[in-house]
Amino acid sequence: CKSRKRTKEVSELLQLHGLSADYYNAGLPQEERNRKHEEWLKDKTVTMACTNAFGMGVDKANVRTIVHYDLPGTVEAYYQEVGRAGRDGKPSRAILLFKENDRKIQEFFIDAAHPPVDWVRRVWTELDGRGQNPVFCTLEDLSSCLPKEAGDRAVASCIYVLQREGWVRRIAPSDRPGMVK
């Protein structure tokens, strides 16, 4: 599952249908996580609804099925997560459940992380055109150079691209001068 909340919901749904199920996520106290993990390793719990925090250290040979209730963020994440099944060499299966809206949410995050080149150029032109070094401004200040539908998140993505490519550098908060308006 993608969220901590969803792990509990899925576990309860499975229990309603008579399955031995529990849930695991990084939000649980360490002692409870250890207990749940041990019960699953010893096959006291057959099904574990979990976030990917559960599987990172899992090396259990007899995992037969991995079901993704939510669409993973990347193909690499999916590949790594389904690789936890069938480690004993016996047949296993991976099932991916998703709705069309799940795909749209992932596409939204992908698009947000990769703004159009034109937008990145506009933000660079706006920063460069201010004639200051360093430039002190907010994301809201820069959003005026992008289409109205872009918003602050798109500006932040453009800044990230410019940082990644070495065109700008963010000044750490501890290195910024204080000011009062």
N, C-alpha and C. Protein backbone atom coordinates (compact mmCIF):
# COMPACT_ATOMS: atom_id res chain seq x y z
N CYS A 1 0.84 -1.19 0.00
CA CYS A 1 0.00 0.00 0.00
C CYS A 1 0.88 1.25 0.00
N LYS A 2 0.36 2.32 -0.55
CA LYS A 2 1.11 3.57 -0.61
C LYS A 2 1.11 4.32 0.72
N SER A 3 0.07 4.17 1.53
CA SER A 3 -0.01 4.97 2.74
C SER A 3 -0.17 4.10 3.99
N ARG A 4 0.23 4.64 5.11
CA ARG A 4 0.11 3.95 6.39
C ARG A 4 -1.36 3.66 6.70
N LYS A 5 -2.18 4.66 6.45
CA LYS A 5 -3.61 4.51 6.71
C LYS A 5 -4.20 3.35 5.91
N ARG A 6 -3.79 3.26 4.65
CA ARG A 6 -4.32 2.22 3.77
C ARG A 6 -3.95 0.83 4.27
N THR A 7 -2.78 0.66 4.89
CA THR A 7 -2.38 -0.67 5.36
C THR A 7 -3.38 -1.20 6.37
N LYS A 8 -3.81 -0.34 7.26
CA LYS A 8 -4.78 -0.76 8.28
C LYS A 8 -6.13 -1.07 7.63
N GLU A 9 -6.57 -0.22 6.71
CA GLU A 9 -7.85 -0.44 6.02
C GLU A 9 -7.85 -1.78 5.27
N VAL A 10 -6.79 -2.06 4.55
CA VAL A 10 -6.71 -3.30 3.78
C VAL A 10 -6.68 -4.51 4.71
N SER A 11 -5.91 -4.40 5.79
CA SER A 11 -5.85 -5.49 6.77
C SER A 11 -7.24 -5.80 7.34
N GLU A 12 -7.96 -4.77 7.71
CA GLU A 12 -9.30 -4.95 8.26
C GLU A 12 -10.25 -5.55 7.23
N LEU A 13 -10.13 -5.14 5.98
CA LEU A 13 -10.95 -5.69 4.90
C LEU A 13 -10.67 -7.18 4.72
N LEU A 14 -9.40 -7.55 4.72
CA LEU A 14 -9.03 -8.95 4.58
C LEU A 14 -9.55 -9.78 5.76
N GLN A 15 -9.45 -9.24 6.96
CA GLN A 15 -9.95 -9.93 8.15
C GLN A 15 -11.46 -10.14 8.06
N LEU A 16 -12.18 -9.13 7.54
CA LEU A 16 -13.63 -9.25 7.37
C LEU A 16 -13.99 -10.43 6.48
N HIS A 17 -13.08 -10.77 5.57
CA HIS A 17 -13.31 -11.88 4.65
C HIS A 17 -12.64 -13.16 5.13
N GLY A 18 -12.30 -13.20 6.43
CA GLY A 18 -11.83 -14.43 7.06
C GLY A 18 -10.37 -14.77 6.86
N LEU A 19 -9.56 -13.82 6.39
CA LEU A 19 -8.14 -14.10 6.20
C LEU A 19 -7.33 -13.72 7.43
N SER A 20 -6.26 -14.44 7.66
CA SER A 20 -5.31 -14.11 8.72
C SER A 20 -4.46 -12.96 8.19
N ALA A 21 -4.74 -11.75 8.65
CA ALA A 21 -4.06 -10.57 8.12
C ALA A 21 -3.73 -9.59 9.22
N ASP A 22 -2.64 -8.88 9.03
CA ASP A 22 -2.24 -7.81 9.93
C ASP A 22 -1.70 -6.69 9.05
N TYR A 23 -1.26 -5.60 9.67
CA TYR A 23 -0.70 -4.49 8.90
C TYR A 23 0.60 -4.03 9.54
N TYR A 24 1.43 -3.41 8.70
CA TYR A 24 2.74 -2.95 9.13
C TYR A 24 3.08 -1.68 8.38
N ASN A 25 3.57 -0.69 9.13
CA ASN A 25 4.07 0.52 8.51
C ASN A 25 5.04 1.20 9.47
N ALA A 26 5.80 2.14 8.96
CA ALA A 26 6.84 2.80 9.75
C ALA A 26 6.28 3.68 10.86
N GLY A 27 4.98 3.93 10.86
CA GLY A 27 4.39 4.75 11.90
C GLY A 27 4.09 4.01 13.20
N LEU A 28 4.22 2.70 13.17
CA LEU A 28 3.96 1.89 14.37
C LEU A 28 5.17 1.96 15.30
N PRO A 29 4.94 1.81 16.62
CA PRO A 29 6.07 1.77 17.55
C PRO A 29 7.00 0.59 17.20
N GLN A 30 8.29 0.77 17.43
CA GLN A 30 9.28 -0.24 17.08
C GLN A 30 8.95 -1.61 17.65
N GLU A 31 8.53 -1.67 18.89
CA GLU A 31 8.20 -2.95 19.53
C GLU A 31 7.07 -3.67 18.80
N GLU A 32 6.06 -2.91 18.41
CA GLU A 32 4.92 -3.49 17.68
C GLU A 32 5.35 -3.95 16.29
N ARG A 33 6.19 -3.17 15.63
CA ARG A 33 6.70 -3.58 14.31
C ARG A 33 7.48 -4.88 14.42
N ASN A 34 8.34 -4.97 15.44
CA ASN A 34 9.14 -6.19 15.63
C ASN A 34 8.25 -7.40 15.85
N ARG A 35 7.21 -7.23 16.67
CA ARG A 35 6.29 -8.33 16.97
C ARG A 35 5.56 -8.79 15.71
N LYS A 36 5.03 -7.83 14.96
CA LYS A 36 4.29 -8.16 13.74
C LYS A 36 5.21 -8.85 12.71
N HIS A 37 6.41 -8.36 12.60
CA HIS A 37 7.36 -8.94 11.66
C HIS A 37 7.68 -10.39 12.05
N GLU A 38 7.92 -10.62 13.32
CA GLU A 38 8.22 -11.97 13.82
C GLU A 38 7.06 -12.92 13.58
N GLU A 39 5.83 -12.47 13.87
CA GLU A 39 4.65 -13.31 13.67
C GLU A 39 4.49 -13.67 12.19
N TRP A 40 4.81 -12.75 11.31
CA TRP A 40 4.72 -13.02 9.89
C TRP A 40 5.81 -14.00 9.46
N LEU A 41 7.03 -13.80 9.93
CA LEU A 41 8.12 -14.70 9.59
C LEU A 41 7.84 -16.14 10.04
N LYS A 42 7.16 -16.28 11.19
CA LYS A 42 6.84 -17.60 11.74
C LYS A 42 5.51 -18.14 11.21
N ASP A 43 4.94 -17.48 10.23
CA ASP A 43 3.68 -17.87 9.59
C ASP A 43 2.48 -17.84 10.52
N LYS A 44 2.55 -17.09 11.62
CA LYS A 44 1.39 -16.90 12.48
C LYS A 44 0.41 -15.93 11.81
N THR A 45 0.95 -15.00 11.07
CA THR A 45 0.16 -14.11 10.23
C THR A 45 0.45 -14.49 8.79
N VAL A 46 -0.59 -14.80 8.05
CA VAL A 46 -0.41 -15.27 6.68
C VAL A 46 -0.25 -14.11 5.71
N THR A 47 -1.03 -13.06 5.90
CA THR A 47 -1.05 -11.93 4.98
C THR A 47 -0.69 -10.66 5.72
N MET A 48 0.21 -9.88 5.14
CA MET A 48 0.62 -8.62 5.75
C MET A 48 0.33 -7.48 4.78
N ALA A 49 -0.53 -6.57 5.19
CA ALA A 49 -0.78 -5.36 4.42
C ALA A 49 0.24 -4.34 4.90
N CYS A 50 1.06 -3.84 4.00
CA CYS A 50 2.18 -3.02 4.45
C CYS A 50 2.56 -1.96 3.42
N THR A 51 3.34 -1.02 3.89
CA THR A 51 4.00 -0.08 2.99
C THR A 51 5.34 -0.73 2.61
N ASN A 52 6.08 -0.08 1.72
CA ASN A 52 7.36 -0.67 1.33
C ASN A 52 8.37 -0.66 2.47
N ALA A 53 8.07 0.01 3.59
CA ALA A 53 8.95 -0.02 4.76
C ALA A 53 9.07 -1.43 5.32
N PHE A 54 8.04 -2.24 5.13
CA PHE A 54 8.06 -3.61 5.65
C PHE A 54 9.03 -4.50 4.88
N GLY A 55 9.00 -4.39 3.59
CA GLY A 55 9.74 -5.34 2.78
C GLY A 55 11.22 -5.11 2.64
N MET A 56 11.72 -3.96 3.07
CA MET A 56 13.12 -3.64 2.81
C MET A 56 14.07 -4.69 3.38
N GLY A 57 13.77 -5.25 4.53
CA GLY A 57 14.68 -6.23 5.11
C GLY A 57 14.15 -7.64 5.05
N VAL A 58 13.08 -7.86 4.30
CA VAL A 58 12.44 -9.17 4.28
C VAL A 58 13.21 -10.14 3.40
N ASP A 59 13.54 -11.27 3.98
CA ASP A 59 14.13 -12.36 3.21
C ASP A 59 13.44 -13.64 3.67
N LYS A 60 12.22 -13.79 3.22
CA LYS A 60 11.41 -14.95 3.58
C LYS A 60 11.19 -15.76 2.31
N ALA A 61 11.61 -17.01 2.34
CA ALA A 61 11.63 -17.84 1.13
C ALA A 61 10.24 -18.17 0.60
N ASN A 62 9.26 -18.36 1.48
CA ASN A 62 7.98 -18.92 1.03
C ASN A 62 6.91 -17.87 0.72
N VAL A 63 7.29 -16.69 0.33
CA VAL A 63 6.30 -15.69 -0.09
C VAL A 63 5.80 -16.10 -1.47
N ARG A 64 4.52 -16.37 -1.58
CA ARG A 64 3.94 -16.85 -2.83
C ARG A 64 3.33 -15.72 -3.67
N THR A 65 2.80 -14.70 -3.01
CA THR A 65 2.07 -13.66 -3.75
C THR A 65 2.39 -12.28 -3.19
N ILE A 66 2.61 -11.36 -4.10
CA ILE A 66 2.75 -9.95 -3.75
C ILE A 66 1.61 -9.24 -4.48
N VAL A 67 0.80 -8.52 -3.72
CA VAL A 67 -0.30 -7.76 -4.32
C VAL A 67 -0.05 -6.28 -4.05
N HIS A 68 0.01 -5.51 -5.10
CA HIS A 68 0.09 -4.06 -4.95
C HIS A 68 -1.33 -3.52 -4.98
N TYR A 69 -1.76 -3.00 -3.86
CA TYR A 69 -3.09 -2.41 -3.76
C TYR A 69 -3.08 -1.03 -4.40
N ASP A 70 -1.92 -0.39 -4.38
CA ASP A 70 -1.73 0.93 -4.99
C ASP A 70 -0.62 0.83 -6.03
N LEU A 71 -0.68 1.67 -7.01
CA LEU A 71 0.31 1.70 -8.06
C LEU A 71 1.64 2.23 -7.51
N PRO A 72 2.73 1.47 -7.65
CA PRO A 72 4.04 1.96 -7.18
C PRO A 72 4.46 3.21 -7.96
N GLY A 73 5.34 3.99 -7.36
CA GLY A 73 5.77 5.24 -7.98
C GLY A 73 6.63 5.06 -9.21
N THR A 74 7.39 3.95 -9.29
CA THR A 74 8.27 3.73 -10.43
C THR A 74 8.28 2.25 -10.80
N VAL A 75 8.71 1.98 -12.02
CA VAL A 75 8.86 0.60 -12.46
C VAL A 75 9.94 -0.09 -11.61
N GLU A 76 10.99 0.65 -11.27
CA GLU A 76 12.06 0.10 -10.45
C GLU A 76 11.55 -0.33 -9.09
N ALA A 77 10.69 0.50 -8.47
CA ALA A 77 10.12 0.15 -7.16
C ALA A 77 9.27 -1.11 -7.28
N TYR A 78 8.47 -1.18 -8.33
CA TYR A 78 7.63 -2.36 -8.55
C TYR A 78 8.50 -3.61 -8.69
N TYR A 79 9.52 -3.53 -9.50
CA TYR A 79 10.42 -4.66 -9.75
C TYR A 79 11.07 -5.13 -8.45
N GLN A 80 11.53 -4.18 -7.65
CA GLN A 80 12.18 -4.55 -6.39
C GLN A 80 11.19 -5.19 -5.42
N GLU A 81 10.00 -4.64 -5.35
CA GLU A 81 8.99 -5.13 -4.40
C GLU A 81 8.48 -6.52 -4.79
N VAL A 82 8.24 -6.77 -6.06
CA VAL A 82 7.75 -8.10 -6.46
C VAL A 82 8.86 -9.14 -6.36
N GLY A 83 10.10 -8.69 -6.32
CA GLY A 83 11.23 -9.61 -6.19
C GLY A 83 11.32 -10.28 -4.84
N ARG A 84 10.45 -9.91 -3.94
CA ARG A 84 10.44 -10.54 -2.61
C ARG A 84 9.65 -11.84 -2.60
N ALA A 85 8.98 -12.15 -3.70
CA ALA A 85 8.20 -13.38 -3.79
C ALA A 85 9.01 -14.46 -4.49
N GLY A 86 8.80 -15.70 -4.07
CA GLY A 86 9.39 -16.84 -4.75
C GLY A 86 10.89 -16.98 -4.59
N ARG A 87 11.42 -16.52 -3.49
CA ARG A 87 12.87 -16.61 -3.30
C ARG A 87 13.36 -18.04 -3.10
N ASP A 88 12.40 -18.96 -2.88
CA ASP A 88 12.77 -20.37 -2.74
C ASP A 88 12.76 -21.08 -4.09
N GLY A 89 12.52 -20.33 -5.16
CA GLY A 89 12.53 -20.90 -6.50
C GLY A 89 11.21 -21.51 -6.93
N LYS A 90 10.24 -21.55 -6.03
CA LYS A 90 8.93 -22.10 -6.39
C LYS A 90 8.09 -21.02 -7.05
N PRO A 91 7.07 -21.44 -7.81
CA PRO A 91 6.23 -20.45 -8.51
C PRO A 91 5.60 -19.46 -7.53
N SER A 92 5.57 -18.21 -7.95
CA SER A 92 4.93 -17.15 -7.18
C SER A 92 4.28 -16.20 -8.17
N ARG A 93 3.52 -15.26 -7.66
CA ARG A 93 2.85 -14.33 -8.58
C ARG A 93 2.83 -12.93 -8.00
N ALA A 94 2.70 -12.00 -8.91
CA ALA A 94 2.58 -10.58 -8.54
C ALA A 94 1.29 -10.07 -9.16
N ILE A 95 0.51 -9.38 -8.36
CA ILE A 95 -0.77 -8.83 -8.81
C ILE A 95 -0.74 -7.33 -8.57
N LEU A 96 -1.11 -6.57 -9.58
CA LEU A 96 -1.14 -5.12 -9.48
C LEU A 96 -2.58 -4.66 -9.64
N LEU A 97 -3.14 -4.10 -8.58
CA LEU A 97 -4.50 -3.57 -8.62
C LEU A 97 -4.39 -2.05 -8.76
N PHE A 98 -5.14 -1.48 -9.68
CA PHE A 98 -5.15 -0.02 -9.76
C PHE A 98 -6.38 0.44 -10.52
N LYS A 99 -6.71 1.69 -10.27
CA LYS A 99 -7.79 2.36 -10.99
C LYS A 99 -7.14 3.38 -11.92
N GLU A 100 -7.86 3.80 -12.91
CA GLU A 100 -7.34 4.79 -13.86
C GLU A 100 -6.88 6.05 -13.12
N ASN A 101 -7.57 6.43 -12.06
CA ASN A 101 -7.20 7.61 -11.30
C ASN A 101 -5.81 7.44 -10.66
N ASP A 102 -5.45 6.22 -10.27
CA ASP A 102 -4.12 5.96 -9.70
C ASP A 102 -3.03 6.33 -10.71
N ARG A 103 -3.24 5.96 -11.95
CA ARG A 103 -2.26 6.28 -13.00
C ARG A 103 -2.17 7.79 -13.18
N LYS A 104 -3.31 8.47 -13.13
CA LYS A 104 -3.33 9.91 -13.30
C LYS A 104 -2.57 10.61 -12.17
N ILE A 105 -2.69 10.10 -10.95
CA ILE A 105 -1.97 10.67 -9.82
C ILE A 105 -0.46 10.53 -10.03
N GLN A 106 -0.02 9.34 -10.46
CA GLN A 106 1.40 9.14 -10.73
C GLN A 106 1.88 10.05 -11.85
N GLU A 107 1.09 10.20 -12.89
CA GLU A 107 1.46 11.09 -14.00
C GLU A 107 1.56 12.54 -13.53
N PHE A 108 0.68 12.93 -12.60
CA PHE A 108 0.73 14.28 -12.03
C PHE A 108 2.08 14.50 -11.35
N PHE A 109 2.52 13.52 -10.53
CA PHE A 109 3.79 13.66 -9.83
C PHE A 109 4.97 13.67 -10.81
N ILE A 110 4.89 12.86 -11.84
CA ILE A 110 5.95 12.83 -12.86
C ILE A 110 6.00 14.18 -13.58
N ASP A 111 4.85 14.68 -13.99
CA ASP A 111 4.81 15.97 -14.68
C ASP A 111 5.31 17.10 -13.78
N ALA A 112 4.95 17.04 -12.50
CA ALA A 112 5.38 18.08 -11.56
C ALA A 112 6.89 18.07 -11.38
N ALA A 113 7.49 16.90 -11.43
CA ALA A 113 8.94 16.79 -11.25
C ALA A 113 9.70 17.14 -12.52
N HIS A 114 9.01 17.16 -13.66
CA HIS A 114 9.65 17.44 -14.94
C HIS A 114 8.86 18.51 -15.69
N PRO A 115 9.04 19.77 -15.28
CA PRO A 115 8.26 20.84 -15.93
C PRO A 115 8.72 21.03 -17.38
N PRO A 116 7.85 21.62 -18.20
CA PRO A 116 8.23 21.88 -19.59
C PRO A 116 9.48 22.76 -19.67
N VAL A 117 10.30 22.53 -20.68
CA VAL A 117 11.54 23.28 -20.86
C VAL A 117 11.25 24.78 -20.92
N ASP A 118 10.17 25.14 -21.59
CA ASP A 118 9.81 26.55 -21.71
C ASP A 118 9.61 27.18 -20.33
N TRP A 119 9.00 26.47 -19.42
CA TRP A 119 8.77 26.99 -18.07
C TRP A 119 10.09 27.19 -17.34
N VAL A 120 10.99 26.23 -17.49
CA VAL A 120 12.30 26.35 -16.83
C VAL A 120 13.03 27.58 -17.37
N ARG A 121 12.97 27.77 -18.69
CA ARG A 121 13.61 28.94 -19.30
C ARG A 121 12.99 30.24 -18.79
N ARG A 122 11.68 30.26 -18.66
CA ARG A 122 10.99 31.47 -18.17
C ARG A 122 11.45 31.81 -16.75
N VAL A 123 11.54 30.79 -15.88
CA VAL A 123 11.98 31.04 -14.50
C VAL A 123 13.42 31.53 -14.51
N TRP A 124 14.29 30.91 -15.33
CA TRP A 124 15.68 31.36 -15.42
C TRP A 124 15.75 32.81 -15.90
N THR A 125 14.97 33.14 -16.93
CA THR A 125 14.97 34.50 -17.48
C THR A 125 14.52 35.49 -16.42
N GLU A 126 13.50 35.12 -15.65
CA GLU A 126 13.00 35.99 -14.57
C GLU A 126 14.08 36.20 -13.50
N LEU A 127 14.73 35.14 -13.09
CA LEU A 127 15.79 35.26 -12.07
C LEU A 127 16.96 36.09 -12.60
N ASP A 128 17.42 35.76 -13.80
CA ASP A 128 18.56 36.45 -14.40
C ASP A 128 18.24 37.92 -14.65
N GLY A 129 17.00 38.20 -15.03
CA GLY A 129 16.59 39.57 -15.35
C GLY A 129 16.46 40.49 -14.15
N ARG A 130 16.50 39.94 -12.97
CA ARG A 130 16.39 40.79 -11.77
C ARG A 130 17.68 41.55 -11.50
N GLY A 131 18.78 41.14 -12.13
CA GLY A 131 20.03 41.88 -11.99
C GLY A 131 20.60 41.87 -10.59
N GLN A 132 20.25 40.91 -9.79
CA GLN A 132 20.77 40.81 -8.43
C GLN A 132 21.48 39.48 -8.27
N ASN A 133 22.45 39.46 -7.39
CA ASN A 133 23.09 38.21 -7.02
C ASN A 133 23.57 38.34 -5.59
N PRO A 134 22.94 37.69 -4.66
CA PRO A 134 21.88 36.70 -4.84
C PRO A 134 20.52 37.36 -5.04
N VAL A 135 19.59 36.54 -5.55
CA VAL A 135 18.20 36.97 -5.74
C VAL A 135 17.41 36.45 -4.55
N PHE A 136 16.72 37.33 -3.87
CA PHE A 136 15.84 36.93 -2.77
C PHE A 136 14.40 37.12 -3.23
N CYS A 137 13.69 36.02 -3.36
CA CYS A 137 12.30 36.10 -3.77
C CYS A 137 11.59 34.82 -3.33
N THR A 138 10.29 34.85 -3.42
CA THR A 138 9.48 33.69 -3.05
C THR A 138 9.03 32.96 -4.31
N LEU A 139 8.55 31.75 -4.12
CA LEU A 139 7.98 31.01 -5.26
C LEU A 139 6.81 31.78 -5.85
N GLU A 140 6.04 32.42 -4.99
CA GLU A 140 4.90 33.21 -5.45
C GLU A 140 5.37 34.34 -6.37
N ASP A 141 6.51 34.98 -6.01
CA ASP A 141 7.06 36.05 -6.84
C ASP A 141 7.38 35.54 -8.24
N LEU A 142 7.95 34.34 -8.32
CA LEU A 142 8.37 33.79 -9.60
C LEU A 142 7.20 33.21 -10.40
N SER A 143 6.11 32.88 -9.73
CA SER A 143 5.00 32.24 -10.43
C SER A 143 4.37 33.14 -11.48
N SER A 144 4.59 34.44 -11.37
CA SER A 144 3.99 35.36 -12.34
C SER A 144 4.57 35.18 -13.75
N CYS A 145 5.73 34.55 -13.88
CA CYS A 145 6.32 34.36 -15.21
C CYS A 145 5.83 33.08 -15.89
N LEU A 146 5.02 32.31 -15.19
CA LEU A 146 4.48 31.06 -15.74
C LEU A 146 2.99 31.19 -15.98
N PRO A 147 2.42 30.29 -16.78
CA PRO A 147 0.96 30.31 -16.97
C PRO A 147 0.24 30.17 -15.63
N LYS A 148 -0.95 30.72 -15.54
CA LYS A 148 -1.70 30.70 -14.28
C LYS A 148 -1.89 29.30 -13.71
N GLU A 149 -2.08 28.30 -14.57
CA GLU A 149 -2.34 26.94 -14.08
C GLU A 149 -1.08 26.29 -13.48
N ALA A 150 0.09 26.89 -13.66
CA ALA A 150 1.34 26.27 -13.21
C ALA A 150 1.41 26.20 -11.69
N GLY A 151 1.28 27.30 -10.99
CA GLY A 151 1.30 27.30 -9.54
C GLY A 151 2.70 27.21 -8.94
N ASP A 152 2.76 27.31 -7.61
CA ASP A 152 4.02 27.33 -6.88
C ASP A 152 4.80 26.03 -7.01
N ARG A 153 4.10 24.91 -7.07
CA ARG A 153 4.79 23.61 -7.17
C ARG A 153 5.59 23.54 -8.48
N ALA A 154 5.04 24.08 -9.56
CA ALA A 154 5.74 24.08 -10.84
C ALA A 154 6.98 24.97 -10.76
N VAL A 155 6.86 26.11 -10.08
CA VAL A 155 8.02 26.99 -9.91
C VAL A 155 9.11 26.26 -9.13
N ALA A 156 8.73 25.57 -8.07
CA ALA A 156 9.70 24.82 -7.27
C ALA A 156 10.38 23.75 -8.12
N SER A 157 9.63 23.09 -8.99
CA SER A 157 10.21 22.08 -9.88
C SER A 157 11.19 22.72 -10.86
N CYS A 158 10.85 23.88 -11.37
CA CYS A 158 11.76 24.58 -12.29
C CYS A 158 13.05 24.96 -11.57
N ILE A 159 12.94 25.45 -10.35
CA ILE A 159 14.12 25.80 -9.55
C ILE A 159 14.97 24.55 -9.32
N TYR A 160 14.31 23.43 -9.02
CA TYR A 160 15.04 22.18 -8.80
C TYR A 160 15.83 21.78 -10.05
N VAL A 161 15.20 21.89 -11.22
CA VAL A 161 15.89 21.55 -12.48
C VAL A 161 17.09 22.48 -12.67
N LEU A 162 16.90 23.77 -12.42
CA LEU A 162 18.01 24.72 -12.56
C LEU A 162 19.13 24.42 -11.58
N GLN A 163 18.78 24.00 -10.37
CA GLN A 163 19.80 23.60 -9.38
C GLN A 163 20.55 22.36 -9.85
N ARG A 164 19.80 21.36 -10.26
CA ARG A 164 20.38 20.10 -10.70
C ARG A 164 21.36 20.30 -11.85
N GLU A 165 21.05 21.23 -12.72
CA GLU A 165 21.89 21.48 -13.89
C GLU A 165 22.99 22.51 -13.62
N GLY A 166 23.05 23.03 -12.38
CA GLY A 166 24.13 23.94 -12.00
C GLY A 166 23.93 25.40 -12.36
N TRP A 167 22.71 25.79 -12.72
CA TRP A 167 22.44 27.17 -13.10
C TRP A 167 22.16 28.06 -11.89
N VAL A 168 21.59 27.49 -10.85
CA VAL A 168 21.32 28.25 -9.62
C VAL A 168 21.75 27.42 -8.42
N ARG A 169 21.92 28.12 -7.31
CA ARG A 169 22.23 27.45 -6.05
C ARG A 169 21.36 28.10 -4.98
N ARG A 170 20.68 27.27 -4.23
CA ARG A 170 19.88 27.81 -3.13
C ARG A 170 20.78 28.12 -1.96
N ILE A 171 20.51 29.21 -1.32
CA ILE A 171 21.29 29.61 -0.15
C ILE A 171 20.65 28.98 1.07
N ALA A 172 21.43 28.28 1.86
CA ALA A 172 20.92 27.63 3.07
C ALA A 172 20.34 28.70 4.00
N PRO A 173 19.25 28.38 4.71
CA PRO A 173 18.63 29.37 5.61
C PRO A 173 19.62 29.98 6.60
N SER A 174 20.59 29.20 7.05
CA SER A 174 21.55 29.71 8.04
C SER A 174 22.50 30.72 7.41
N ASP A 175 22.61 30.75 6.08
CA ASP A 175 23.51 31.69 5.39
C ASP A 175 22.78 32.93 4.87
N ARG A 176 21.49 33.02 5.10
CA ARG A 176 20.73 34.15 4.58
C ARG A 176 20.72 35.30 5.60
N PRO A 177 20.79 36.52 5.10
CA PRO A 177 20.70 37.65 6.03
C PRO A 177 19.26 37.79 6.56
N GLY A 178 19.13 38.25 7.76
CA GLY A 178 17.81 38.49 8.32
C GLY A 178 17.31 39.85 7.90
N MET A 179 16.01 39.99 7.80
CA MET A 179 15.44 41.29 7.46
C MET A 179 14.06 41.43 8.09
N VAL A 180 13.69 42.66 8.33
CA VAL A 180 12.38 42.95 8.90
C VAL A 180 11.66 43.90 7.96
N LYS A 181 10.41 43.59 7.70
CA LYS A 181 9.60 44.50 6.86
C LYS A 181 8.55 45.14 7.74
